[in-house]
Amino acid sequence: MKVKLSISLGVLLLTCLIIAPFIHEMVHIFTFNSLSGNYFADIAVSSSVYGSFKVLSPMNLFEYIVLLSGGVASSLILGALFIHLGRKKVSYISTNFGIGFLLNPSLSMLTKNDISTLFSFIGLNYLSILIGVCILGVCLFEFNYSTKIMMAHNQNIAAA
């Protein structure tokens, strides 16, 4: 049980701290390249969870909104997909991949990030924090669910 819990937490942390931010920044790059080949950007992924994106040429508001929302949308979509697959296949590992993808943007929504910048355009900066707390609640609920799956699986193996 302890080994499976360690693996489960390792998958969650690996996804949250490395895989999700990397994919997030790659989606920004893909979105940026698909908008127009005439724009330039300086993209740096630091050693922490977050990366930075500095646009060096002008963009219109629509392009800026699409660019900012792409990374977070990819994390949310991948998180929901892995959680769905984890529930369908009864796999705590897949569920923890999903939690990691959701946990990364939910924690960043509590600070200044892409989504808070988007909401600042319409004067609703606090909405980012509210959404982050809601997603964090989903993460805790799903982690509890995945832990129960793992414990039930261990009980079935011990009974057999």
N, C-alpha and C. Protein backbone atom coordinates (compact mmCIF):
# COMPACT_ATOMS: atom_id res chain seq x y z
N MET A 1 0.82 -1.20 0.00
CA MET A 1 0.00 0.00 0.00
C MET A 1 0.86 1.26 0.00
N LYS A 2 1.93 1.26 0.84
CA LYS A 2 2.80 2.44 0.92
C LYS A 2 3.53 2.67 -0.39
N VAL A 3 3.93 1.61 -1.06
CA VAL A 3 4.62 1.74 -2.34
C VAL A 3 3.67 2.33 -3.38
N LYS A 4 2.43 1.82 -3.42
CA LYS A 4 1.47 2.33 -4.39
C LYS A 4 1.12 3.79 -4.11
N LEU A 5 1.02 4.15 -2.83
CA LEU A 5 0.75 5.55 -2.48
C LEU A 5 1.92 6.43 -2.87
N SER A 6 3.13 5.95 -2.68
CA SER A 6 4.32 6.71 -3.09
C SER A 6 4.36 6.89 -4.60
N ILE A 7 4.07 5.84 -5.34
CA ILE A 7 4.03 5.93 -6.80
C ILE A 7 2.94 6.91 -7.23
N SER A 8 1.80 6.81 -6.58
CA SER A 8 0.68 7.68 -6.90
C SER A 8 1.04 9.15 -6.68
N LEU A 9 1.63 9.45 -5.53
CA LEU A 9 2.05 10.84 -5.26
C LEU A 9 3.17 11.28 -6.18
N GLY A 10 4.08 10.35 -6.51
CA GLY A 10 5.15 10.68 -7.45
C GLY A 10 4.62 11.05 -8.82
N VAL A 11 3.64 10.28 -9.31
CA VAL A 11 3.02 10.58 -10.61
C VAL A 11 2.33 11.94 -10.56
N LEU A 12 1.63 12.19 -9.47
CA LEU A 12 0.92 13.46 -9.33
C LEU A 12 1.90 14.63 -9.33
N LEU A 13 2.97 14.53 -8.54
CA LEU A 13 3.94 15.62 -8.48
C LEU A 13 4.72 15.79 -9.78
N LEU A 14 5.11 14.69 -10.40
CA LEU A 14 5.81 14.76 -11.68
C LEU A 14 4.95 15.45 -12.73
N THR A 15 3.69 15.10 -12.75
CA THR A 15 2.77 15.72 -13.71
C THR A 15 2.57 17.19 -13.41
N CYS A 16 2.33 17.51 -12.13
CA CYS A 16 2.05 18.89 -11.74
C CYS A 16 3.25 19.81 -11.92
N LEU A 17 4.43 19.32 -11.56
CA LEU A 17 5.61 20.19 -11.54
C LEU A 17 6.44 20.20 -12.82
N ILE A 18 6.33 19.15 -13.64
CA ILE A 18 7.18 19.08 -14.84
C ILE A 18 6.37 18.94 -16.12
N ILE A 19 5.54 17.91 -16.20
CA ILE A 19 4.84 17.61 -17.46
C ILE A 19 3.82 18.68 -17.81
N ALA A 20 2.94 19.04 -16.86
CA ALA A 20 1.90 20.03 -17.14
C ALA A 20 2.48 21.40 -17.53
N PRO A 21 3.48 21.93 -16.79
CA PRO A 21 4.04 23.23 -17.21
C PRO A 21 4.71 23.17 -18.58
N PHE A 22 5.38 22.05 -18.87
CA PHE A 22 6.04 21.91 -20.17
C PHE A 22 5.00 21.93 -21.30
N ILE A 23 3.95 21.14 -21.15
CA ILE A 23 2.89 21.12 -22.18
C ILE A 23 2.21 22.47 -22.27
N HIS A 24 1.99 23.11 -21.12
CA HIS A 24 1.38 24.44 -21.08
C HIS A 24 2.18 25.42 -21.95
N GLU A 25 3.49 25.45 -21.74
CA GLU A 25 4.33 26.37 -22.52
C GLU A 25 4.41 25.96 -23.99
N MET A 26 4.42 24.67 -24.28
CA MET A 26 4.45 24.21 -25.67
C MET A 26 3.16 24.62 -26.40
N VAL A 27 2.04 24.59 -25.70
CA VAL A 27 0.77 25.04 -26.32
C VAL A 27 0.83 26.53 -26.59
N HIS A 28 1.44 27.30 -25.68
CA HIS A 28 1.63 28.73 -25.95
C HIS A 28 2.44 28.92 -27.24
N ILE A 29 3.52 28.16 -27.37
CA ILE A 29 4.37 28.28 -28.56
C ILE A 29 3.60 27.89 -29.82
N PHE A 30 2.87 26.78 -29.76
CA PHE A 30 2.07 26.33 -30.90
C PHE A 30 1.02 27.38 -31.26
N THR A 31 0.33 27.89 -30.25
CA THR A 31 -0.70 28.91 -30.50
C THR A 31 -0.07 30.16 -31.10
N PHE A 32 1.06 30.56 -30.55
CA PHE A 32 1.75 31.74 -31.05
C PHE A 32 2.15 31.57 -32.51
N ASN A 33 2.70 30.40 -32.85
CA ASN A 33 3.10 30.14 -34.23
C ASN A 33 1.91 30.04 -35.17
N SER A 34 0.79 29.53 -34.69
CA SER A 34 -0.38 29.38 -35.56
C SER A 34 -1.09 30.71 -35.79
N LEU A 35 -0.91 31.67 -34.90
CA LEU A 35 -1.57 32.97 -35.09
C LEU A 35 -0.96 33.71 -36.28
N SER A 36 0.34 33.76 -36.31
CA SER A 36 1.01 34.44 -37.41
C SER A 36 2.50 34.19 -37.31
N GLY A 37 3.12 34.07 -38.46
CA GLY A 37 4.57 33.87 -38.47
C GLY A 37 5.33 35.17 -38.30
N ASN A 38 4.64 36.31 -38.24
CA ASN A 38 5.31 37.60 -38.17
C ASN A 38 5.61 38.06 -36.75
N TYR A 39 5.12 37.36 -35.76
CA TYR A 39 5.34 37.75 -34.37
C TYR A 39 6.61 37.10 -33.84
N PHE A 40 7.21 37.77 -32.89
CA PHE A 40 8.40 37.24 -32.23
C PHE A 40 8.14 37.16 -30.75
N ALA A 41 8.72 36.18 -30.11
CA ALA A 41 8.56 36.04 -28.66
C ALA A 41 9.82 35.49 -28.05
N ASP A 42 10.02 35.84 -26.82
CA ASP A 42 11.11 35.31 -26.03
C ASP A 42 10.47 34.39 -24.99
N ILE A 43 10.66 33.09 -25.13
CA ILE A 43 10.02 32.12 -24.24
C ILE A 43 11.10 31.45 -23.41
N ALA A 44 10.93 31.48 -22.11
CA ALA A 44 11.90 30.84 -21.21
C ALA A 44 11.14 30.04 -20.17
N VAL A 45 11.52 28.78 -20.02
CA VAL A 45 10.95 27.97 -18.95
C VAL A 45 12.00 27.91 -17.85
N SER A 46 11.65 28.45 -16.70
CA SER A 46 12.61 28.49 -15.59
C SER A 46 12.66 27.13 -14.90
N SER A 47 13.50 27.03 -13.89
CA SER A 47 13.65 25.77 -13.18
C SER A 47 12.47 25.48 -12.26
N SER A 48 11.60 26.45 -12.09
CA SER A 48 10.43 26.23 -11.25
C SER A 48 9.26 25.72 -12.10
N VAL A 49 8.08 25.80 -11.55
CA VAL A 49 6.88 25.28 -12.20
C VAL A 49 6.45 26.15 -13.37
N TYR A 50 6.76 27.40 -13.33
CA TYR A 50 6.21 28.34 -14.29
C TYR A 50 7.22 28.76 -15.34
N GLY A 51 6.71 29.16 -16.48
CA GLY A 51 7.53 29.70 -17.54
C GLY A 51 7.14 31.14 -17.77
N SER A 52 7.88 31.81 -18.61
CA SER A 52 7.52 33.19 -18.93
C SER A 52 7.43 33.32 -20.43
N PHE A 53 6.62 34.25 -20.86
CA PHE A 53 6.37 34.47 -22.28
C PHE A 53 6.33 35.97 -22.49
N LYS A 54 7.25 36.49 -23.26
CA LYS A 54 7.30 37.92 -23.50
C LYS A 54 7.11 38.16 -24.99
N VAL A 55 6.03 38.85 -25.32
CA VAL A 55 5.74 39.16 -26.71
C VAL A 55 6.53 40.41 -27.09
N LEU A 56 7.28 40.31 -28.17
CA LEU A 56 8.14 41.42 -28.59
C LEU A 56 7.56 42.20 -29.75
N SER A 57 6.38 41.82 -30.22
CA SER A 57 5.73 42.57 -31.29
C SER A 57 4.26 42.76 -30.93
N PRO A 58 3.60 43.74 -31.52
CA PRO A 58 2.20 44.02 -31.14
C PRO A 58 1.24 42.91 -31.57
N MET A 59 0.20 42.73 -30.74
CA MET A 59 -0.86 41.76 -31.03
C MET A 59 -2.19 42.46 -30.78
N ASN A 60 -3.22 42.02 -31.49
CA ASN A 60 -4.54 42.57 -31.17
C ASN A 60 -5.12 41.83 -29.97
N LEU A 61 -6.20 42.34 -29.41
CA LEU A 61 -6.76 41.79 -28.18
C LEU A 61 -7.21 40.35 -28.35
N PHE A 62 -7.83 40.00 -29.46
CA PHE A 62 -8.30 38.64 -29.69
C PHE A 62 -7.12 37.66 -29.70
N GLU A 63 -6.06 38.01 -30.41
CA GLU A 63 -4.88 37.14 -30.46
C GLU A 63 -4.25 36.98 -29.08
N TYR A 64 -4.23 38.05 -28.32
CA TYR A 64 -3.66 38.01 -26.98
C TYR A 64 -4.49 37.10 -26.07
N ILE A 65 -5.81 37.18 -26.17
CA ILE A 65 -6.69 36.32 -25.36
C ILE A 65 -6.51 34.86 -25.75
N VAL A 66 -6.45 34.56 -27.03
CA VAL A 66 -6.25 33.19 -27.49
C VAL A 66 -4.90 32.67 -27.01
N LEU A 67 -3.88 33.49 -27.11
CA LEU A 67 -2.54 33.11 -26.68
C LEU A 67 -2.50 32.80 -25.18
N LEU A 68 -3.11 33.65 -24.36
CA LEU A 68 -3.09 33.45 -22.92
C LEU A 68 -3.91 32.24 -22.47
N SER A 69 -5.04 32.02 -23.12
CA SER A 69 -5.93 30.94 -22.67
C SER A 69 -5.49 29.56 -23.14
N GLY A 70 -4.65 29.47 -24.15
CA GLY A 70 -4.27 28.17 -24.71
C GLY A 70 -3.59 27.24 -23.72
N GLY A 71 -2.65 27.73 -22.96
CA GLY A 71 -1.91 26.88 -22.03
C GLY A 71 -2.79 26.33 -20.92
N VAL A 72 -3.58 27.20 -20.31
CA VAL A 72 -4.46 26.77 -19.23
C VAL A 72 -5.53 25.83 -19.76
N ALA A 73 -6.07 26.14 -20.93
CA ALA A 73 -7.11 25.27 -21.52
C ALA A 73 -6.55 23.87 -21.77
N SER A 74 -5.31 23.78 -22.24
CA SER A 74 -4.72 22.46 -22.48
C SER A 74 -4.59 21.67 -21.19
N SER A 75 -4.16 22.32 -20.11
CA SER A 75 -4.03 21.63 -18.82
C SER A 75 -5.39 21.17 -18.31
N LEU A 76 -6.40 22.01 -18.44
CA LEU A 76 -7.74 21.64 -17.96
C LEU A 76 -8.32 20.50 -18.78
N ILE A 77 -8.15 20.55 -20.09
CA ILE A 77 -8.68 19.49 -20.96
C ILE A 77 -7.97 18.17 -20.70
N LEU A 78 -6.63 18.20 -20.63
CA LEU A 78 -5.89 16.97 -20.36
C LEU A 78 -6.21 16.42 -18.97
N GLY A 79 -6.37 17.30 -17.99
CA GLY A 79 -6.73 16.86 -16.65
C GLY A 79 -8.08 16.16 -16.63
N ALA A 80 -9.07 16.77 -17.26
CA ALA A 80 -10.40 16.16 -17.31
C ALA A 80 -10.37 14.84 -18.07
N LEU A 81 -9.60 14.77 -19.16
CA LEU A 81 -9.50 13.55 -19.95
C LEU A 81 -8.88 12.41 -19.13
N PHE A 82 -7.76 12.68 -18.44
CA PHE A 82 -7.12 11.63 -17.65
C PHE A 82 -7.99 11.19 -16.47
N ILE A 83 -8.69 12.13 -15.85
CA ILE A 83 -9.59 11.75 -14.75
C ILE A 83 -10.72 10.90 -15.28
N HIS A 84 -11.28 11.27 -16.42
CA HIS A 84 -12.35 10.47 -17.03
C HIS A 84 -11.85 9.06 -17.34
N LEU A 85 -10.67 8.96 -17.95
CA LEU A 85 -10.10 7.64 -18.25
C LEU A 85 -9.81 6.85 -16.97
N GLY A 86 -9.34 7.53 -15.94
CA GLY A 86 -9.06 6.86 -14.68
C GLY A 86 -10.31 6.30 -14.04
N ARG A 87 -11.41 7.04 -14.14
CA ARG A 87 -12.67 6.54 -13.58
C ARG A 87 -13.24 5.42 -14.45
N LYS A 88 -13.10 5.56 -15.75
CA LYS A 88 -13.66 4.54 -16.66
C LYS A 88 -12.89 3.22 -16.54
N LYS A 89 -11.58 3.30 -16.47
CA LYS A 89 -10.73 2.10 -16.39
C LYS A 89 -10.42 1.70 -14.95
N VAL A 90 -10.92 2.47 -14.00
CA VAL A 90 -10.65 2.27 -12.57
C VAL A 90 -9.13 2.22 -12.34
N SER A 91 -8.46 3.27 -12.77
CA SER A 91 -7.00 3.36 -12.68
C SER A 91 -6.62 4.58 -11.85
N TYR A 92 -6.03 4.34 -10.69
CA TYR A 92 -5.62 5.46 -9.85
C TYR A 92 -4.43 6.21 -10.45
N ILE A 93 -3.61 5.54 -11.25
CA ILE A 93 -2.46 6.22 -11.89
C ILE A 93 -2.97 7.24 -12.91
N SER A 94 -3.91 6.85 -13.76
CA SER A 94 -4.47 7.77 -14.74
C SER A 94 -5.18 8.93 -14.04
N THR A 95 -5.91 8.61 -12.98
CA THR A 95 -6.58 9.67 -12.23
C THR A 95 -5.57 10.66 -11.66
N ASN A 96 -4.43 10.16 -11.17
CA ASN A 96 -3.42 11.05 -10.62
C ASN A 96 -2.71 11.88 -11.69
N PHE A 97 -2.59 11.36 -12.91
CA PHE A 97 -2.13 12.19 -14.02
C PHE A 97 -3.09 13.35 -14.21
N GLY A 98 -4.37 13.05 -14.22
CA GLY A 98 -5.39 14.10 -14.38
C GLY A 98 -5.35 15.12 -13.26
N ILE A 99 -5.19 14.64 -12.04
CA ILE A 99 -5.11 15.56 -10.90
C ILE A 99 -3.90 16.47 -11.05
N GLY A 100 -2.77 15.91 -11.49
CA GLY A 100 -1.57 16.72 -11.69
C GLY A 100 -1.78 17.81 -12.74
N PHE A 101 -2.47 17.45 -13.83
CA PHE A 101 -2.75 18.45 -14.86
C PHE A 101 -3.69 19.54 -14.35
N LEU A 102 -4.65 19.19 -13.48
CA LEU A 102 -5.57 20.18 -12.93
C LEU A 102 -4.93 20.97 -11.80
N LEU A 103 -4.09 20.32 -11.03
CA LEU A 103 -3.47 20.97 -9.87
C LEU A 103 -2.55 22.10 -10.29
N ASN A 104 -1.83 21.92 -11.36
CA ASN A 104 -0.90 22.96 -11.80
C ASN A 104 -1.61 24.29 -12.09
N PRO A 105 -2.64 24.32 -12.94
CA PRO A 105 -3.28 25.62 -13.17
C PRO A 105 -4.07 26.12 -11.97
N SER A 106 -4.61 25.19 -11.15
CA SER A 106 -5.38 25.66 -9.99
C SER A 106 -4.47 26.37 -9.00
N LEU A 107 -3.25 25.87 -8.80
CA LEU A 107 -2.32 26.56 -7.90
C LEU A 107 -1.84 27.87 -8.50
N SER A 108 -1.64 27.90 -9.81
CA SER A 108 -1.18 29.15 -10.42
C SER A 108 -2.29 30.19 -10.49
N MET A 109 -3.55 29.76 -10.45
CA MET A 109 -4.65 30.72 -10.46
C MET A 109 -4.74 31.50 -9.14
N LEU A 110 -4.11 30.98 -8.11
CA LEU A 110 -4.10 31.68 -6.84
C LEU A 110 -3.07 32.82 -6.84
N THR A 111 -2.25 32.88 -7.86
CA THR A 111 -1.27 33.95 -8.01
C THR A 111 -1.55 34.66 -9.34
N LYS A 112 -0.71 35.60 -9.70
CA LYS A 112 -0.89 36.29 -10.99
C LYS A 112 -0.46 35.35 -12.11
N ASN A 113 -1.36 35.09 -13.04
CA ASN A 113 -1.09 34.15 -14.13
C ASN A 113 -1.84 34.57 -15.38
N ASP A 114 -1.87 33.68 -16.36
CA ASP A 114 -2.54 33.96 -17.62
C ASP A 114 -4.03 34.27 -17.43
N ILE A 115 -4.69 33.48 -16.62
CA ILE A 115 -6.13 33.64 -16.43
C ILE A 115 -6.44 34.93 -15.67
N SER A 116 -5.65 35.26 -14.65
CA SER A 116 -5.91 36.52 -13.93
C SER A 116 -5.71 37.71 -14.85
N THR A 117 -4.76 37.61 -15.78
CA THR A 117 -4.56 38.67 -16.76
C THR A 117 -5.78 38.80 -17.67
N LEU A 118 -6.32 37.65 -18.11
CA LEU A 118 -7.53 37.68 -18.94
C LEU A 118 -8.71 38.31 -18.21
N PHE A 119 -8.91 37.90 -16.95
CA PHE A 119 -10.02 38.46 -16.18
C PHE A 119 -9.81 39.94 -15.85
N SER A 120 -8.57 40.39 -15.80
CA SER A 120 -8.31 41.81 -15.53
C SER A 120 -8.80 42.69 -16.68
N PHE A 121 -8.88 42.12 -17.89
CA PHE A 121 -9.41 42.89 -19.02
C PHE A 121 -10.85 43.31 -18.80
N ILE A 122 -11.60 42.49 -18.06
CA ILE A 122 -13.01 42.80 -17.82
C ILE A 122 -13.27 43.19 -16.36
N GLY A 123 -12.21 43.42 -15.60
CA GLY A 123 -12.34 43.90 -14.23
C GLY A 123 -12.75 42.84 -13.22
N LEU A 124 -12.49 41.57 -13.49
CA LEU A 124 -12.87 40.49 -12.57
C LEU A 124 -11.65 39.69 -12.12
N ASN A 125 -10.64 40.39 -11.59
CA ASN A 125 -9.40 39.73 -11.18
C ASN A 125 -9.64 38.63 -10.15
N TYR A 126 -10.57 38.85 -9.23
CA TYR A 126 -10.83 37.88 -8.15
C TYR A 126 -11.40 36.57 -8.67
N LEU A 127 -11.97 36.57 -9.87
CA LEU A 127 -12.58 35.36 -10.42
C LEU A 127 -11.54 34.26 -10.64
N SER A 128 -10.31 34.65 -10.93
CA SER A 128 -9.23 33.67 -11.10
C SER A 128 -9.00 32.89 -9.81
N ILE A 129 -9.00 33.59 -8.68
CA ILE A 129 -8.81 32.92 -7.39
C ILE A 129 -9.98 32.00 -7.09
N LEU A 130 -11.19 32.43 -7.37
CA LEU A 130 -12.38 31.61 -7.12
C LEU A 130 -12.36 30.34 -7.96
N ILE A 131 -12.01 30.46 -9.23
CA ILE A 131 -11.92 29.29 -10.11
C ILE A 131 -10.80 28.36 -9.64
N GLY A 132 -9.66 28.93 -9.24
CA GLY A 132 -8.55 28.12 -8.73
C GLY A 132 -8.93 27.32 -7.50
N VAL A 133 -9.68 27.93 -6.59
CA VAL A 133 -10.12 27.23 -5.38
C VAL A 133 -11.09 26.11 -5.75
N CYS A 134 -11.99 26.36 -6.69
CA CYS A 134 -12.94 25.32 -7.13
C CYS A 134 -12.21 24.14 -7.77
N ILE A 135 -11.24 24.41 -8.63
CA ILE A 135 -10.47 23.34 -9.26
C ILE A 135 -9.65 22.59 -8.21
N LEU A 136 -9.11 23.31 -7.25
CA LEU A 136 -8.37 22.67 -6.17
C LEU A 136 -9.28 21.72 -5.38
N GLY A 137 -10.53 22.12 -5.17
CA GLY A 137 -11.51 21.24 -4.53
C GLY A 137 -11.76 19.98 -5.33
N VAL A 138 -11.87 20.12 -6.65
CA VAL A 138 -12.03 18.94 -7.52
C VAL A 138 -10.81 18.03 -7.40
N CYS A 139 -9.63 18.62 -7.35
CA CYS A 139 -8.40 17.83 -7.21
C CYS A 139 -8.40 17.03 -5.91
N LEU A 140 -8.79 17.66 -4.82
CA LEU A 140 -8.84 16.96 -3.54
C LEU A 140 -9.89 15.84 -3.56
N PHE A 141 -11.04 16.12 -4.15
CA PHE A 141 -12.09 15.11 -4.27
C PHE A 141 -11.60 13.91 -5.09
N GLU A 142 -10.96 14.18 -6.22
CA GLU A 142 -10.47 13.10 -7.08
C GLU A 142 -9.33 12.33 -6.44
N PHE A 143 -8.46 13.02 -5.69
CA PHE A 143 -7.38 12.31 -5.01
C PHE A 143 -7.95 11.37 -3.95
N ASN A 144 -8.97 11.83 -3.24
CA ASN A 144 -9.65 10.97 -2.26
C ASN A 144 -10.26 9.76 -2.96
N TYR A 145 -10.88 9.98 -4.11
CA TYR A 145 -11.49 8.89 -4.87
C TYR A 145 -10.41 7.90 -5.33
N SER A 146 -9.31 8.41 -5.86
CA SER A 146 -8.26 7.52 -6.36
C SER A 146 -7.62 6.73 -5.22
N THR A 147 -7.48 7.34 -4.05
CA THR A 147 -6.94 6.63 -2.90
C THR A 147 -7.89 5.52 -2.46
N LYS A 148 -9.18 5.77 -2.50
CA LYS A 148 -10.16 4.73 -2.15
C LYS A 148 -10.10 3.57 -3.15
N ILE A 149 -9.92 3.87 -4.43
CA ILE A 149 -9.78 2.82 -5.45
C ILE A 149 -8.56 1.96 -5.13
N MET A 150 -7.45 2.63 -4.81
CA MET A 150 -6.22 1.92 -4.52
C MET A 150 -6.39 1.04 -3.27
N MET A 151 -7.04 1.56 -2.24
CA MET A 151 -7.23 0.77 -1.01
C MET A 151 -8.16 -0.40 -1.25
N ALA A 152 -9.22 -0.21 -2.03
CA ALA A 152 -10.14 -1.31 -2.33
C ALA A 152 -9.44 -2.38 -3.16
N HIS A 153 -8.58 -1.97 -4.07
CA HIS A 153 -7.82 -2.92 -4.88
C HIS A 153 -6.88 -3.75 -4.00
N ASN A 154 -6.24 -3.09 -3.06
CA ASN A 154 -5.35 -3.82 -2.14
C ASN A 154 -6.12 -4.79 -1.26
N GLN A 155 -7.32 -4.42 -0.83
CA GLN A 155 -8.14 -5.31 -0.01
C GLN A 155 -8.57 -6.53 -0.82
N ASN A 156 -8.91 -6.31 -2.10
CA ASN A 156 -9.30 -7.43 -2.96
C ASN A 156 -8.13 -8.40 -3.18
N ILE A 157 -6.95 -7.87 -3.33
CA ILE A 157 -5.76 -8.71 -3.52
C ILE A 157 -5.47 -9.48 -2.23
N ALA A 158 -5.59 -8.82 -1.08
CA ALA A 158 -5.31 -9.47 0.20
C ALA A 158 -6.34 -10.56 0.50
N ALA A 159 -7.58 -10.34 0.07
CA ALA A 159 -8.65 -11.32 0.33
C ALA A 159 -8.51 -12.55 -0.57
N ALA A 160 -7.89 -12.36 -1.72
CA ALA A 160 -7.78 -13.47 -2.69
C ALA A 160 -6.71 -14.45 -2.35
